[in-house]
Amino acid sequence: MLFVYIFSAAIAVGTVSYIIHLSLRDRMIDAHGRDIRALVEDVRRVAEYDGGSITIEYRLSWHEDGETKYVEGRETILARRSSQVQKGCEVDIKYLDDDHISFVFDKCPAGQPSVLSSHSSALSPPAERRPPPSRST
């Protein structure tokens, strides 16, 4: 019975430490990473999940200091973002090094909804624009 308690505690500590590791990694990329606009050279789906996310393998390239840099990796993104990561498209990334890359999909200031927020749909019609009310003097 003691073995079960030790094993359960080890699994719980391992899970929490992995979540903390991922959070610290993302924070480090956000704080020290460079904003880069990269071309998607190749992309393919590796896995699809019921929760609305997919895992992709990608190859990105960009020009820097007169040479072309390439990076390959695997990332889990929301399925609705997959249309933004297609072969031939350009994507915004935060680049720290070849092992620390993060896709940047939303660049809206805090408090403002993005175009692809969870409350909008890619198939919904655009909102009707109305001219501002005129002021009479």
N, C-alpha and C. Protein backbone atom coordinates (compact mmCIF):
# COMPACT_ATOMS: atom_id res chain seq x y z
N MET A 1 0.81 -1.19 0.00
CA MET A 1 0.00 0.00 0.00
C MET A 1 0.86 1.26 0.00
N LEU A 2 1.98 1.21 0.67
CA LEU A 2 2.89 2.34 0.71
C LEU A 2 3.40 2.67 -0.69
N PHE A 3 3.63 1.62 -1.49
CA PHE A 3 4.08 1.82 -2.86
C PHE A 3 3.08 2.65 -3.66
N VAL A 4 1.79 2.40 -3.48
CA VAL A 4 0.74 3.13 -4.20
C VAL A 4 0.77 4.61 -3.84
N TYR A 5 0.96 4.92 -2.55
CA TYR A 5 1.02 6.32 -2.12
C TYR A 5 2.25 7.02 -2.69
N ILE A 6 3.38 6.35 -2.66
CA ILE A 6 4.62 6.95 -3.20
C ILE A 6 4.49 7.15 -4.71
N PHE A 7 3.96 6.15 -5.39
CA PHE A 7 3.80 6.25 -6.84
C PHE A 7 2.82 7.36 -7.21
N SER A 8 1.71 7.48 -6.50
CA SER A 8 0.73 8.54 -6.75
C SER A 8 1.33 9.92 -6.50
N ALA A 9 2.10 10.05 -5.44
CA ALA A 9 2.74 11.33 -5.13
C ALA A 9 3.76 11.69 -6.21
N ALA A 10 4.51 10.71 -6.70
CA ALA A 10 5.50 10.96 -7.75
C ALA A 10 4.83 11.42 -9.04
N ILE A 11 3.73 10.82 -9.39
CA ILE A 11 2.98 11.23 -10.59
C ILE A 11 2.44 12.64 -10.43
N ALA A 12 1.89 12.95 -9.27
CA ALA A 12 1.33 14.29 -9.03
C ALA A 12 2.43 15.35 -9.08
N VAL A 13 3.57 15.08 -8.43
CA VAL A 13 4.68 16.04 -8.43
C VAL A 13 5.23 16.19 -9.84
N GLY A 14 5.36 15.11 -10.57
CA GLY A 14 5.85 15.18 -11.95
C GLY A 14 4.94 15.99 -12.85
N THR A 15 3.64 15.81 -12.71
CA THR A 15 2.68 16.55 -13.53
C THR A 15 2.74 18.04 -13.23
N VAL A 16 2.75 18.39 -11.95
CA VAL A 16 2.80 19.81 -11.57
C VAL A 16 4.12 20.43 -12.02
N SER A 17 5.24 19.72 -11.86
CA SER A 17 6.52 20.30 -12.27
C SER A 17 6.60 20.47 -13.79
N TYR A 18 5.99 19.57 -14.56
CA TYR A 18 5.98 19.73 -16.02
C TYR A 18 5.15 20.94 -16.43
N ILE A 19 4.02 21.16 -15.79
CA ILE A 19 3.19 22.33 -16.09
C ILE A 19 3.95 23.61 -15.75
N ILE A 20 4.64 23.62 -14.63
CA ILE A 20 5.45 24.79 -14.26
C ILE A 20 6.57 25.01 -15.26
N HIS A 21 7.21 23.93 -15.71
CA HIS A 21 8.28 24.03 -16.72
C HIS A 21 7.74 24.66 -18.01
N LEU A 22 6.58 24.21 -18.48
CA LEU A 22 6.01 24.77 -19.70
C LEU A 22 5.66 26.25 -19.53
N SER A 23 5.14 26.60 -18.37
CA SER A 23 4.79 28.00 -18.10
C SER A 23 6.03 28.88 -18.08
N LEU A 24 7.09 28.42 -17.43
CA LEU A 24 8.33 29.20 -17.38
C LEU A 24 8.96 29.32 -18.77
N ARG A 25 8.89 28.26 -19.56
CA ARG A 25 9.43 28.29 -20.92
C ARG A 25 8.70 29.33 -21.77
N ASP A 26 7.36 29.32 -21.68
CA ASP A 26 6.58 30.30 -22.44
C ASP A 26 6.88 31.72 -21.99
N ARG A 27 7.03 31.90 -20.70
CA ARG A 27 7.34 33.23 -20.17
C ARG A 27 8.72 33.70 -20.65
N MET A 28 9.69 32.78 -20.71
CA MET A 28 11.03 33.13 -21.17
C MET A 28 11.00 33.51 -22.66
N ILE A 29 10.24 32.77 -23.46
CA ILE A 29 10.13 33.09 -24.88
C ILE A 29 9.48 34.46 -25.06
N ASP A 30 8.41 34.74 -24.32
CA ASP A 30 7.73 36.03 -24.43
C ASP A 30 8.64 37.18 -24.01
N ALA A 31 9.45 36.98 -22.98
CA ALA A 31 10.28 38.07 -22.45
C ALA A 31 11.53 38.31 -23.29
N HIS A 32 12.16 37.26 -23.77
CA HIS A 32 13.46 37.41 -24.43
C HIS A 32 13.45 37.07 -25.92
N GLY A 33 12.34 36.55 -26.43
CA GLY A 33 12.29 36.16 -27.83
C GLY A 33 12.16 37.35 -28.77
N ARG A 34 12.62 37.17 -30.00
CA ARG A 34 12.52 38.20 -31.03
C ARG A 34 11.27 37.96 -31.87
N ASP A 35 10.62 39.05 -32.28
CA ASP A 35 9.48 38.95 -33.19
C ASP A 35 9.99 38.77 -34.60
N ILE A 36 9.56 37.70 -35.25
CA ILE A 36 10.01 37.39 -36.61
C ILE A 36 8.81 37.01 -37.45
N ARG A 37 8.83 37.43 -38.70
CA ARG A 37 7.82 37.03 -39.68
C ARG A 37 8.46 35.93 -40.52
N ALA A 38 7.93 34.70 -40.43
CA ALA A 38 8.54 33.54 -41.08
C ALA A 38 7.61 32.96 -42.13
N LEU A 39 8.20 32.36 -43.16
CA LEU A 39 7.46 31.69 -44.23
C LEU A 39 7.31 30.22 -43.86
N VAL A 40 6.11 29.69 -44.02
CA VAL A 40 5.86 28.28 -43.75
C VAL A 40 6.29 27.49 -44.98
N GLU A 41 7.41 26.80 -44.88
CA GLU A 41 7.94 26.00 -46.00
C GLU A 41 7.16 24.70 -46.14
N ASP A 42 6.86 24.07 -45.02
CA ASP A 42 6.15 22.80 -45.04
C ASP A 42 5.40 22.65 -43.73
N VAL A 43 4.23 22.04 -43.78
CA VAL A 43 3.45 21.79 -42.57
C VAL A 43 2.59 20.56 -42.81
N ARG A 44 2.46 19.75 -41.77
CA ARG A 44 1.56 18.59 -41.86
C ARG A 44 0.99 18.28 -40.49
N ARG A 45 -0.24 17.77 -40.51
CA ARG A 45 -0.91 17.40 -39.27
C ARG A 45 -0.35 16.06 -38.79
N VAL A 46 -0.07 16.02 -37.51
CA VAL A 46 0.42 14.79 -36.90
C VAL A 46 -0.68 14.12 -36.09
N ALA A 47 -1.45 14.94 -35.38
CA ALA A 47 -2.52 14.40 -34.54
C ALA A 47 -3.65 15.41 -34.46
N GLU A 48 -4.84 14.89 -34.18
CA GLU A 48 -6.03 15.72 -34.02
C GLU A 48 -6.73 15.28 -32.74
N TYR A 49 -7.16 16.24 -31.93
CA TYR A 49 -7.74 15.92 -30.63
C TYR A 49 -9.19 16.38 -30.56
N ASP A 50 -9.96 15.72 -29.69
CA ASP A 50 -11.38 16.05 -29.54
C ASP A 50 -11.59 17.43 -28.94
N GLY A 51 -10.63 17.95 -28.22
CA GLY A 51 -10.76 19.25 -27.57
C GLY A 51 -10.63 20.43 -28.52
N GLY A 52 -10.45 20.18 -29.81
CA GLY A 52 -10.36 21.27 -30.78
C GLY A 52 -8.95 21.73 -31.05
N SER A 53 -7.96 20.90 -30.77
CA SER A 53 -6.58 21.27 -31.08
C SER A 53 -5.96 20.20 -31.96
N ILE A 54 -4.89 20.60 -32.65
CA ILE A 54 -4.16 19.69 -33.52
C ILE A 54 -2.68 19.85 -33.26
N THR A 55 -1.93 18.80 -33.53
CA THR A 55 -0.48 18.86 -33.46
C THR A 55 0.04 18.86 -34.88
N ILE A 56 0.92 19.82 -35.16
CA ILE A 56 1.49 19.94 -36.50
C ILE A 56 3.01 19.83 -36.43
N GLU A 57 3.61 19.36 -37.50
CA GLU A 57 5.05 19.45 -37.71
C GLU A 57 5.25 20.51 -38.77
N TYR A 58 6.21 21.38 -38.59
CA TYR A 58 6.39 22.51 -39.49
C TYR A 58 7.86 22.73 -39.81
N ARG A 59 8.06 23.44 -40.89
CA ARG A 59 9.39 23.93 -41.28
C ARG A 59 9.20 25.38 -41.67
N LEU A 60 9.91 26.26 -40.99
CA LEU A 60 9.81 27.70 -41.22
C LEU A 60 11.13 28.23 -41.74
N SER A 61 11.07 29.35 -42.47
CA SER A 61 12.29 30.01 -42.92
C SER A 61 12.09 31.51 -42.90
N TRP A 62 13.20 32.24 -42.75
CA TRP A 62 13.20 33.69 -42.81
C TRP A 62 14.61 34.16 -43.14
N HIS A 63 14.70 35.38 -43.63
CA HIS A 63 15.99 35.96 -43.99
C HIS A 63 16.51 36.79 -42.83
N GLU A 64 17.80 36.59 -42.52
CA GLU A 64 18.41 37.31 -41.41
C GLU A 64 19.91 37.45 -41.70
N ASP A 65 20.40 38.65 -41.65
CA ASP A 65 21.82 38.94 -41.88
C ASP A 65 22.31 38.38 -43.21
N GLY A 66 21.50 38.50 -44.26
CA GLY A 66 21.90 38.07 -45.59
C GLY A 66 21.84 36.58 -45.83
N GLU A 67 21.35 35.82 -44.89
CA GLU A 67 21.23 34.38 -45.10
C GLU A 67 19.83 33.91 -44.69
N THR A 68 19.45 32.75 -45.20
CA THR A 68 18.15 32.20 -44.88
C THR A 68 18.29 31.23 -43.72
N LYS A 69 17.50 31.44 -42.68
CA LYS A 69 17.51 30.55 -41.52
C LYS A 69 16.31 29.62 -41.61
N TYR A 70 16.51 28.38 -41.25
CA TYR A 70 15.45 27.38 -41.24
C TYR A 70 15.30 26.82 -39.84
N VAL A 71 14.07 26.49 -39.48
CA VAL A 71 13.80 25.83 -38.21
C VAL A 71 12.64 24.87 -38.40
N GLU A 72 12.76 23.71 -37.78
CA GLU A 72 11.70 22.70 -37.83
C GLU A 72 11.24 22.41 -36.41
N GLY A 73 9.99 22.01 -36.29
CA GLY A 73 9.49 21.70 -34.96
C GLY A 73 8.11 21.10 -35.00
N ARG A 74 7.59 20.89 -33.81
CA ARG A 74 6.26 20.32 -33.62
C ARG A 74 5.54 21.20 -32.60
N GLU A 75 4.29 21.50 -32.87
CA GLU A 75 3.53 22.40 -31.99
C GLU A 75 2.07 21.97 -31.97
N THR A 76 1.43 22.13 -30.84
CA THR A 76 -0.01 21.89 -30.72
C THR A 76 -0.70 23.24 -30.74
N ILE A 77 -1.62 23.42 -31.69
CA ILE A 77 -2.34 24.68 -31.85
C ILE A 77 -3.82 24.39 -31.91
N LEU A 78 -4.64 25.42 -31.75
CA LEU A 78 -6.07 25.26 -31.90
C LEU A 78 -6.39 24.97 -33.37
N ALA A 79 -7.36 24.12 -33.60
CA ALA A 79 -7.72 23.73 -34.97
C ALA A 79 -8.14 24.93 -35.79
N ARG A 80 -8.78 25.91 -35.16
CA ARG A 80 -9.22 27.09 -35.92
C ARG A 80 -8.05 27.94 -36.39
N ARG A 81 -6.86 27.75 -35.81
CA ARG A 81 -5.66 28.48 -36.23
C ARG A 81 -4.94 27.80 -37.39
N SER A 82 -5.33 26.58 -37.73
CA SER A 82 -4.61 25.83 -38.75
C SER A 82 -4.66 26.51 -40.11
N SER A 83 -5.68 27.29 -40.38
CA SER A 83 -5.75 27.99 -41.66
C SER A 83 -4.68 29.08 -41.76
N GLN A 84 -4.16 29.54 -40.63
CA GLN A 84 -3.10 30.56 -40.63
C GLN A 84 -1.72 29.96 -40.79
N VAL A 85 -1.60 28.64 -40.58
CA VAL A 85 -0.31 27.96 -40.69
C VAL A 85 -0.40 26.96 -41.84
N GLN A 86 -0.36 27.48 -43.06
CA GLN A 86 -0.41 26.65 -44.25
C GLN A 86 0.84 26.90 -45.08
N LYS A 87 1.21 25.92 -45.89
CA LYS A 87 2.39 26.04 -46.74
C LYS A 87 2.27 27.28 -47.63
N GLY A 88 3.30 28.11 -47.63
CA GLY A 88 3.33 29.32 -48.43
C GLY A 88 2.86 30.56 -47.69
N CYS A 89 2.25 30.39 -46.52
CA CYS A 89 1.78 31.54 -45.73
C CYS A 89 2.91 32.07 -44.85
N GLU A 90 2.78 33.31 -44.44
CA GLU A 90 3.72 33.89 -43.49
C GLU A 90 3.05 33.93 -42.12
N VAL A 91 3.82 33.61 -41.09
CA VAL A 91 3.31 33.60 -39.72
C VAL A 91 4.24 34.44 -38.85
N ASP A 92 3.68 34.98 -37.78
CA ASP A 92 4.47 35.69 -36.78
C ASP A 92 4.89 34.70 -35.71
N ILE A 93 6.17 34.74 -35.34
CA ILE A 93 6.67 33.87 -34.29
C ILE A 93 7.52 34.68 -33.32
N LYS A 94 7.65 34.16 -32.12
CA LYS A 94 8.63 34.63 -31.14
C LYS A 94 9.74 33.61 -31.17
N TYR A 95 10.96 34.05 -31.47
CA TYR A 95 12.09 33.14 -31.63
C TYR A 95 13.15 33.45 -30.60
N LEU A 96 13.46 32.47 -29.77
CA LEU A 96 14.55 32.59 -28.81
C LEU A 96 15.75 31.81 -29.31
N ASP A 97 15.55 30.56 -29.65
CA ASP A 97 16.53 29.73 -30.33
C ASP A 97 15.77 28.61 -31.03
N ASP A 98 16.48 27.68 -31.66
CA ASP A 98 15.80 26.65 -32.45
C ASP A 98 14.88 25.76 -31.63
N ASP A 99 15.11 25.66 -30.33
CA ASP A 99 14.27 24.83 -29.49
C ASP A 99 13.18 25.61 -28.76
N HIS A 100 13.21 26.92 -28.86
CA HIS A 100 12.25 27.77 -28.14
C HIS A 100 11.59 28.74 -29.11
N ILE A 101 10.48 28.29 -29.68
CA ILE A 101 9.71 29.07 -30.65
C ILE A 101 8.26 29.07 -30.22
N SER A 102 7.59 30.18 -30.45
CA SER A 102 6.18 30.28 -30.11
C SER A 102 5.46 31.00 -31.24
N PHE A 103 4.35 30.44 -31.72
CA PHE A 103 3.54 31.11 -32.73
C PHE A 103 2.78 32.25 -32.07
N VAL A 104 2.68 33.37 -32.78
CA VAL A 104 1.95 34.54 -32.28
C VAL A 104 0.75 34.74 -33.20
N PHE A 105 -0.44 34.49 -32.66
CA PHE A 105 -1.65 34.64 -33.47
C PHE A 105 -2.39 35.92 -33.16
N ASP A 106 -2.43 36.33 -31.93
CA ASP A 106 -3.18 37.53 -31.52
C ASP A 106 -2.21 38.63 -31.16
N LYS A 107 -2.41 39.80 -31.74
CA LYS A 107 -1.57 40.95 -31.41
C LYS A 107 -2.43 42.13 -30.98
N CYS A 108 -3.61 41.87 -30.44
CA CYS A 108 -4.51 42.94 -30.01
C CYS A 108 -4.10 43.43 -28.63
N PRO A 109 -4.26 44.72 -28.37
CA PRO A 109 -4.01 45.22 -27.02
C PRO A 109 -4.93 44.55 -26.02
N ALA A 110 -4.51 44.54 -24.78
CA ALA A 110 -5.31 43.91 -23.72
C ALA A 110 -6.69 44.55 -23.65
N GLY A 111 -7.68 43.72 -23.47
CA GLY A 111 -9.04 44.22 -23.34
C GLY A 111 -9.81 44.30 -24.64
N GLN A 112 -9.12 44.20 -25.78
CA GLN A 112 -9.81 44.24 -27.06
C GLN A 112 -9.86 42.83 -27.64
N PRO A 113 -11.02 42.41 -28.14
CA PRO A 113 -11.10 41.07 -28.70
C PRO A 113 -10.35 40.99 -30.02
N SER A 114 -9.73 39.84 -30.27
CA SER A 114 -9.03 39.66 -31.53
C SER A 114 -10.02 39.23 -32.60
N VAL A 115 -9.59 39.26 -33.85
CA VAL A 115 -10.45 38.86 -34.95
C VAL A 115 -10.82 37.39 -34.82
N LEU A 116 -9.90 36.57 -34.30
CA LEU A 116 -10.15 35.14 -34.17
C LEU A 116 -10.34 34.75 -32.71
N SER A 117 -11.04 35.56 -31.95
CA SER A 117 -11.29 35.20 -30.55
C SER A 117 -12.27 34.05 -30.49
N SER A 118 -12.40 33.45 -29.32
CA SER A 118 -13.26 32.29 -29.19
C SER A 118 -14.74 32.64 -29.36
N HIS A 119 -15.08 33.90 -29.34
CA HIS A 119 -16.48 34.30 -29.48
C HIS A 119 -16.87 34.56 -30.93
N SER A 120 -15.91 34.58 -31.83
CA SER A 120 -16.24 34.84 -33.23
C SER A 120 -16.09 33.56 -34.04
N SER A 121 -16.67 33.55 -35.19
CA SER A 121 -16.58 32.39 -36.07
C SER A 121 -16.03 32.84 -37.41
N ALA A 122 -15.20 31.99 -38.00
CA ALA A 122 -14.62 32.34 -39.29
C ALA A 122 -15.69 32.39 -40.37
N LEU A 123 -16.84 31.76 -40.13
CA LEU A 123 -17.89 31.73 -41.13
C LEU A 123 -18.95 32.80 -40.92
N SER A 124 -18.86 33.52 -39.83
CA SER A 124 -19.88 34.54 -39.58
C SER A 124 -19.63 35.75 -40.48
N PRO A 125 -20.71 36.42 -40.93
CA PRO A 125 -20.54 37.58 -41.80
C PRO A 125 -19.92 38.73 -41.03
N PRO A 126 -19.19 39.61 -41.71
CA PRO A 126 -18.60 40.75 -41.04
C PRO A 126 -19.67 41.70 -40.51
N ALA A 127 -19.34 42.37 -39.45
CA ALA A 127 -20.29 43.32 -38.86
C ALA A 127 -20.49 44.49 -39.81
N GLU A 128 -21.71 44.99 -39.84
CA GLU A 128 -22.03 46.12 -40.71
C GLU A 128 -21.40 47.39 -40.14
N ARG A 129 -20.72 48.13 -40.98
CA ARG A 129 -20.11 49.38 -40.54
C ARG A 129 -21.06 50.53 -40.78
N ARG A 130 -21.17 51.35 -39.77
CA ARG A 130 -22.03 52.52 -39.89
C ARG A 130 -21.16 53.76 -39.74
N PRO A 131 -21.47 54.80 -40.51
CA PRO A 131 -20.68 56.03 -40.36
C PRO A 131 -20.96 56.67 -39.00
N PRO A 132 -19.99 57.40 -38.47
CA PRO A 132 -20.23 58.06 -37.18
C PRO A 132 -21.33 59.11 -37.33
N PRO A 133 -22.05 59.35 -36.26
CA PRO A 133 -23.12 60.35 -36.33
C PRO A 133 -22.53 61.73 -36.61
N SER A 134 -23.24 62.48 -37.46
CA SER A 134 -22.75 63.82 -37.80
C SER A 134 -23.18 64.79 -36.71
N ARG A 135 -22.36 65.76 -36.47
CA ARG A 135 -22.67 66.79 -35.47
C ARG A 135 -23.14 68.04 -36.18
N SER A 136 -24.19 68.57 -35.70
CA SER A 136 -24.66 69.83 -36.26
C SER A 136 -24.23 70.95 -35.33
N THR A 137 -23.77 72.05 -35.90
CA THR A 137 -23.31 73.18 -35.08
C THR A 137 -24.27 74.32 -35.07
